[in-house]
Amino acid sequence: MKMKNLVGILPKFINLDKFLLLIGYNTSYTLMSNIYDCKEIIINIVKNFPNIKGGGGKNKGNIKT
């Protein structure tokens, strides 16, 4: 449960104008960034790993294993 709580609050402390944040819990993960295109990253992940599903927009996206 502590890990799930950390995933919920961590984005508030990361400068998304400088970093790509990848956070997750169990089998679900979120990418967040203002400098990298999360949608393009997820498209490439899904293309190269067919067992992973995902989607999202330019600044935030989700993948599930």
PDB file of N, CA and C in Angstrom:
ATOM      1  N   MET A   1       0.814  -1.203   0.000  1.00  0.00           N
ATOM      2  CA  MET A   1       0.000   0.000   0.000  1.00  0.00           C
ATOM      3  C   MET A   1       0.860   1.271   0.000  1.00  0.00           C
ATOM      4  N   LYS A   2       2.031   1.216   0.660  1.00  0.00           N
ATOM      5  CA  LYS A   2       2.899   2.391   0.687  1.00  0.00           C
ATOM      6  C   LYS A   2       3.352   2.776  -0.716  1.00  0.00           C
ATOM      7  N   MET A   3       3.640   1.765  -1.547  1.00  0.00           N
ATOM      8  CA  MET A   3       4.096   2.040  -2.904  1.00  0.00           C
ATOM      9  C   MET A   3       3.001   2.725  -3.714  1.00  0.00           C
ATOM     10  N   LYS A   4       1.772   2.287  -3.563  1.00  0.00           N
ATOM     11  CA  LYS A   4       0.655   2.896  -4.285  1.00  0.00           C
ATOM     12  C   LYS A   4       0.493   4.355  -3.871  1.00  0.00           C
ATOM     13  N   ASN A   5       0.667   4.658  -2.609  1.00  0.00           N
ATOM     14  CA  ASN A   5       0.567   6.037  -2.133  1.00  0.00           C
ATOM     15  C   ASN A   5       1.684   6.894  -2.713  1.00  0.00           C
ATOM     16  N   LEU A   6       2.888   6.342  -2.803  1.00  0.00           N
ATOM     17  CA  LEU A   6       4.020   7.073  -3.359  1.00  0.00           C
ATOM     18  C   LEU A   6       3.770   7.410  -4.824  1.00  0.00           C
ATOM     19  N   VAL A   7       3.222   6.481  -5.565  1.00  0.00           N
ATOM     20  CA  VAL A   7       2.910   6.706  -6.975  1.00  0.00           C
ATOM     21  C   VAL A   7       1.924   7.866  -7.116  1.00  0.00           C
ATOM     22  N   GLY A   8       1.022   7.998  -6.190  1.00  0.00           N
ATOM     23  CA  GLY A   8       0.020   9.057  -6.249  1.00  0.00           C
ATOM     24  C   GLY A   8       0.560  10.452  -5.979  1.00  0.00           C
ATOM     25  N   ILE A   9       1.605  10.572  -5.164  1.00  0.00           N
ATOM     26  CA  ILE A   9       2.106  11.902  -4.796  1.00  0.00           C
ATOM     27  C   ILE A   9       3.405  12.300  -5.495  1.00  0.00           C
ATOM     28  N   LEU A  10       4.155  11.339  -6.027  1.00  0.00           N
ATOM     29  CA  LEU A  10       5.453  11.631  -6.619  1.00  0.00           C
ATOM     30  C   LEU A  10       5.417  12.677  -7.739  1.00  0.00           C
ATOM     31  N   PRO A  11       4.442  12.660  -8.637  1.00  0.00           N
ATOM     32  CA  PRO A  11       4.437  13.663  -9.722  1.00  0.00           C
ATOM     33  C   PRO A  11       4.414  15.111  -9.240  1.00  0.00           C
ATOM     34  N   LYS A  12       3.931  15.359  -8.050  1.00  0.00           N
ATOM     35  CA  LYS A  12       3.874  16.727  -7.525  1.00  0.00           C
ATOM     36  C   LYS A  12       5.265  17.283  -7.235  1.00  0.00           C
ATOM     37  N   PHE A  13       6.251  16.392  -7.071  1.00  0.00           N
ATOM     38  CA  PHE A  13       7.588  16.807  -6.670  1.00  0.00           C
ATOM     39  C   PHE A  13       8.619  16.735  -7.793  1.00  0.00           C
ATOM     40  N   ILE A  14       8.207  16.324  -8.987  1.00  0.00           N
ATOM     41  CA  ILE A  14       9.118  16.186 -10.114  1.00  0.00           C
ATOM     42  C   ILE A  14       8.853  17.301 -11.126  1.00  0.00           C
ATOM     43  N   ASN A  15       9.901  17.961 -11.572  1.00  0.00           N
ATOM     44  CA  ASN A  15       9.784  19.018 -12.571  1.00  0.00           C
ATOM     45  C   ASN A  15       9.660  18.368 -13.955  1.00  0.00           C
ATOM     46  N   LEU A  16       8.446  18.305 -14.470  1.00  0.00           N
ATOM     47  CA  LEU A  16       8.184  17.648 -15.743  1.00  0.00           C
ATOM     48  C   LEU A  16       8.700  18.457 -16.936  1.00  0.00           C
ATOM     49  N   ASP A  17       9.187  19.668 -16.689  1.00  0.00           N
ATOM     50  CA  ASP A  17       9.821  20.453 -17.745  1.00  0.00           C
ATOM     51  C   ASP A  17      11.281  20.033 -17.944  1.00  0.00           C
ATOM     52  N   LYS A  18      11.787  19.187 -17.041  1.00  0.00           N
ATOM     53  CA  LYS A  18      13.175  18.733 -17.134  1.00  0.00           C
ATOM     54  C   LYS A  18      13.310  17.211 -17.215  1.00  0.00           C
ATOM     55  N   PHE A  19      12.274  16.486 -16.815  1.00  0.00           N
ATOM     56  CA  PHE A  19      12.392  15.037 -16.702  1.00  0.00           C
ATOM     57  C   PHE A  19      11.208  14.308 -17.313  1.00  0.00           C
ATOM     58  N   LEU A  20      11.445  13.046 -17.633  1.00  0.00           N
ATOM     59  CA  LEU A  20      10.392  12.101 -17.976  1.00  0.00           C
ATOM     60  C   LEU A  20      10.176  11.260 -16.729  1.00  0.00           C
ATOM     61  N   LEU A  21       8.967  11.219 -16.242  1.00  0.00           N
ATOM     62  CA  LEU A  21       8.647  10.448 -15.046  1.00  0.00           C
ATOM     63  C   LEU A  21       7.914   9.179 -15.462  1.00  0.00           C
ATOM     64  N   LEU A  22       8.428   8.048 -15.024  1.00  0.00           N
ATOM     65  CA  LEU A  22       7.776   6.765 -15.235  1.00  0.00           C
ATOM     66  C   LEU A  22       7.453   6.210 -13.862  1.00  0.00           C
ATOM     67  N   ILE A  23       6.169   6.109 -13.564  1.00  0.00           N
ATOM     68  CA  ILE A  23       5.738   5.595 -12.272  1.00  0.00           C
ATOM     69  C   ILE A  23       4.740   4.470 -12.505  1.00  0.00           C
ATOM     70  N   GLY A  24       4.642   3.583 -11.539  1.00  0.00           N
ATOM     71  CA  GLY A  24       3.697   2.498 -11.711  1.00  0.00           C
ATOM     72  C   GLY A  24       3.485   1.710 -10.444  1.00  0.00           C
ATOM     73  N   TYR A  25       2.467   0.910 -10.507  1.00  0.00           N
ATOM     74  CA  TYR A  25       2.122   0.031  -9.397  1.00  0.00           C
ATOM     75  C   TYR A  25       1.510  -1.229  -9.977  1.00  0.00           C
ATOM     76  N   ASN A  26       2.034  -2.367  -9.560  1.00  0.00           N
ATOM     77  CA  ASN A  26       1.535  -3.665 -10.006  1.00  0.00           C
ATOM     78  C   ASN A  26       1.808  -3.838 -11.501  1.00  0.00           C
ATOM     79  N   THR A  27       0.810  -3.768 -12.354  1.00  0.00           N
ATOM     80  CA  THR A  27       1.018  -3.964 -13.793  1.00  0.00           C
ATOM     81  C   THR A  27       0.685  -2.722 -14.611  1.00  0.00           C
ATOM     82  N   SER A  28       0.383  -1.613 -13.969  1.00  0.00           N
ATOM     83  CA  SER A  28       0.027  -0.374 -14.676  1.00  0.00           C
ATOM     84  C   SER A  28       1.079   0.697 -14.429  1.00  0.00           C
ATOM     85  N   TYR A  29       1.467   1.376 -15.506  1.00  0.00           N
ATOM     86  CA  TYR A  29       2.503   2.399 -15.425  1.00  0.00           C
ATOM     87  C   TYR A  29       2.062   3.655 -16.159  1.00  0.00           C
ATOM     88  N   THR A  30       2.540   4.793 -15.688  1.00  0.00           N
ATOM     89  CA  THR A  30       2.222   6.087 -16.295  1.00  0.00           C
ATOM     90  C   THR A  30       3.513   6.805 -16.642  1.00  0.00           C
ATOM     91  N   LEU A  31       3.556   7.381 -17.835  1.00  0.00           N
ATOM     92  CA  LEU A  31       4.654   8.239 -18.267  1.00  0.00           C
ATOM     93  C   LEU A  31       4.130   9.667 -18.252  1.00  0.00           C
ATOM     94  N   MET A  32       4.953  10.591 -17.745  1.00  0.00           N
ATOM     95  CA  MET A  32       4.571  11.997 -17.719  1.00  0.00           C
ATOM     96  C   MET A  32       5.794  12.847 -18.066  1.00  0.00           C
ATOM     97  N   SER A  33       5.617  13.828 -18.951  1.00  0.00           N
ATOM     98  CA  SER A  33       6.706  14.728 -19.308  1.00  0.00           C
ATOM     99  C   SER A  33       6.164  15.900 -20.112  1.00  0.00           C
ATOM    100  N   ASN A  34       6.827  17.031 -19.976  1.00  0.00           N
ATOM    101  CA  ASN A  34       6.516  18.192 -20.807  1.00  0.00           C
ATOM    102  C   ASN A  34       7.556  18.388 -21.905  1.00  0.00           C
ATOM    103  N   ILE A  35       8.624  17.565 -21.898  1.00  0.00           N
ATOM    104  CA  ILE A  35       9.677  17.722 -22.907  1.00  0.00           C
ATOM    105  C   ILE A  35       9.756  16.546 -23.875  1.00  0.00           C
ATOM    106  N   TYR A  36       9.225  15.398 -23.509  1.00  0.00           N
ATOM    107  CA  TYR A  36       9.199  14.234 -24.393  1.00  0.00           C
ATOM    108  C   TYR A  36       7.760  13.932 -24.765  1.00  0.00           C
ATOM    109  N   ASP A  37       7.561  13.413 -25.958  1.00  0.00           N
ATOM    110  CA  ASP A  37       6.229  13.068 -26.439  1.00  0.00           C
ATOM    111  C   ASP A  37       5.872  11.668 -25.933  1.00  0.00           C
ATOM    112  N   CYS A  38       5.098  11.621 -24.868  1.00  0.00           N
ATOM    113  CA  CYS A  38       4.722  10.348 -24.240  1.00  0.00           C
ATOM    114  C   CYS A  38       3.947   9.449 -25.201  1.00  0.00           C
ATOM    115  N   LYS A  39       3.140  10.044 -26.043  1.00  0.00           N
ATOM    116  CA  LYS A  39       2.371   9.268 -27.013  1.00  0.00           C
ATOM    117  C   LYS A  39       3.297   8.509 -27.954  1.00  0.00           C
ATOM    118  N   GLU A  40       4.330   9.163 -28.461  1.00  0.00           N
ATOM    119  CA  GLU A  40       5.286   8.514 -29.363  1.00  0.00           C
ATOM    120  C   GLU A  40       6.059   7.409 -28.650  1.00  0.00           C
ATOM    121  N   ILE A  41       6.431   7.652 -27.414  1.00  0.00           N
ATOM    122  CA  ILE A  41       7.150   6.632 -26.634  1.00  0.00           C
ATOM    123  C   ILE A  41       6.278   5.396 -26.461  1.00  0.00           C
ATOM    124  N   ILE A  42       5.028   5.605 -26.108  1.00  0.00           N
ATOM    125  CA  ILE A  42       4.120   4.480 -25.889  1.00  0.00           C
ATOM    126  C   ILE A  42       3.837   3.739 -27.196  1.00  0.00           C
ATOM    127  N   ILE A  43       3.691   4.462 -28.288  1.00  0.00           N
ATOM    128  CA  ILE A  43       3.489   3.810 -29.589  1.00  0.00           C
ATOM    129  C   ILE A  43       4.658   2.870 -29.885  1.00  0.00           C
ATOM    130  N   ASN A  44       5.872   3.329 -29.618  1.00  0.00           N
ATOM    131  CA  ASN A  44       7.046   2.488 -29.862  1.00  0.00           C
ATOM    132  C   ASN A  44       7.121   1.299 -28.913  1.00  0.00           C
ATOM    133  N   ILE A  45       6.744   1.483 -27.671  1.00  0.00           N
ATOM    134  CA  ILE A  45       6.729   0.373 -26.712  1.00  0.00           C
ATOM    135  C   ILE A  45       5.729  -0.689 -27.157  1.00  0.00           C
ATOM    136  N   VAL A  46       4.517  -0.272 -27.486  1.00  0.00           N
ATOM    137  CA  VAL A  46       3.462  -1.205 -27.897  1.00  0.00           C
ATOM    138  C   VAL A  46       3.841  -1.922 -29.200  1.00  0.00           C
ATOM    139  N   LYS A  47       4.486  -1.199 -30.097  1.00  0.00           N
ATOM    140  CA  LYS A  47       4.904  -1.778 -31.380  1.00  0.00           C
ATOM    141  C   LYS A  47       5.956  -2.876 -31.172  1.00  0.00           C
ATOM    142  N   ASN A  48       6.889  -2.635 -30.269  1.00  0.00           N
ATOM    143  CA  ASN A  48       7.983  -3.577 -30.040  1.00  0.00           C
ATOM    144  C   ASN A  48       7.674  -4.671 -29.025  1.00  0.00           C
ATOM    145  N   PHE A  49       6.659  -4.469 -28.203  1.00  0.00           N
ATOM    146  CA  PHE A  49       6.265  -5.447 -27.194  1.00  0.00           C
ATOM    147  C   PHE A  49       4.756  -5.654 -27.276  1.00  0.00           C
ATOM    148  N   PRO A  50       4.299  -6.545 -28.161  1.00  0.00           N
ATOM    149  CA  PRO A  50       2.864  -6.725 -28.417  1.00  0.00           C
ATOM    150  C   PRO A  50       2.029  -7.133 -27.194  1.00  0.00           C
ATOM    151  N   ASN A  51       2.663  -7.672 -26.166  1.00  0.00           N
ATOM    152  CA  ASN A  51       1.916  -8.063 -24.963  1.00  0.00           C
ATOM    153  C   ASN A  51       1.630  -6.878 -24.040  1.00  0.00           C
ATOM    154  N   ILE A  52       2.192  -5.708 -24.361  1.00  0.00           N
ATOM    155  CA  ILE A  52       1.945  -4.495 -23.580  1.00  0.00           C
ATOM    156  C   ILE A  52       0.914  -3.645 -24.307  1.00  0.00           C
ATOM    157  N   LYS A  53      -0.076  -3.183 -23.575  1.00  0.00           N
ATOM    158  CA  LYS A  53      -1.120  -2.311 -24.118  1.00  0.00           C
ATOM    159  C   LYS A  53      -0.915  -0.908 -23.570  1.00  0.00           C
ATOM    160  N   GLY A  54      -1.324   0.096 -24.335  1.00  0.00           N
ATOM    161  CA  GLY A  54      -1.171   1.450 -23.825  1.00  0.00           C
ATOM    162  C   GLY A  54      -1.704   2.505 -24.765  1.00  0.00           C
ATOM    163  N   GLY A  55      -1.698   3.722 -24.258  1.00  0.00           N
ATOM    164  CA  GLY A  55      -2.156   4.858 -25.021  1.00  0.00           C
ATOM    165  C   GLY A  55      -2.000   6.122 -24.212  1.00  0.00           C
ATOM    166  N   GLY A  56      -2.273   7.241 -24.844  1.00  0.00           N
ATOM    167  CA  GLY A  56      -2.184   8.494 -24.123  1.00  0.00           C
ATOM    168  C   GLY A  56      -1.956   9.661 -25.056  1.00  0.00           C
ATOM    169  N   GLY A  57      -1.575  10.757 -24.453  1.00  0.00           N
ATOM    170  CA  GLY A  57      -1.352  11.983 -25.195  1.00  0.00           C
ATOM    171  C   GLY A  57       0.092  12.424 -25.119  1.00  0.00           C
ATOM    172  N   LYS A  58       0.341  13.634 -25.592  1.00  0.00           N
ATOM    173  CA  LYS A  58       1.707  14.170 -25.667  1.00  0.00           C
ATOM    174  C   LYS A  58       2.379  14.261 -24.296  1.00  0.00           C
ATOM    175  N   ASN A  59       1.664  14.654 -23.260  1.00  0.00           N
ATOM    176  CA  ASN A  59       2.266  14.883 -21.952  1.00  0.00           C
ATOM    177  C   ASN A  59       2.044  13.781 -20.921  1.00  0.00           C
ATOM    178  N   LYS A  60       1.139  12.842 -21.226  1.00  0.00           N
ATOM    179  CA  LYS A  60       0.857  11.787 -20.255  1.00  0.00           C
ATOM    180  C   LYS A  60       0.284  10.579 -20.989  1.00  0.00           C
ATOM    181  N   GLY A  61       0.747   9.406 -20.573  1.00  0.00           N
ATOM    182  CA  GLY A  61       0.237   8.184 -21.171  1.00  0.00           C
ATOM    183  C   GLY A  61       0.329   7.030 -20.192  1.00  0.00           C
ATOM    184  N   ASN A  62      -0.340   5.941 -20.509  1.00  0.00           N
ATOM    185  CA  ASN A  62      -0.384   4.770 -19.636  1.00  0.00           C
ATOM    186  C   ASN A  62      -0.060   3.517 -20.418  1.00  0.00           C
ATOM    187  N   ILE A  63       0.610   2.591 -19.742  1.00  0.00           N
ATOM    188  CA  ILE A  63       0.834   1.276 -20.302  1.00  0.00           C
ATOM    189  C   ILE A  63       0.450   0.235 -19.257  1.00  0.00           C
ATOM    190  N   LYS A  64       0.071  -0.918 -19.746  1.00  0.00           N
ATOM    191  CA  LYS A  64      -0.320  -2.009 -18.858  1.00  0.00           C
ATOM    192  C   LYS A  64       0.308  -3.284 -19.379  1.00  0.00           C
ATOM    193  N   THR A  65       0.955  -4.011 -18.486  1.00  0.00           N
ATOM    194  CA  THR A  65       1.596  -5.257 -18.879  1.00  0.00           C
ATOM    195  C   THR A  65       0.690  -6.445 -18.618  1.00  0.00           C
TER     196      THR A  65
END
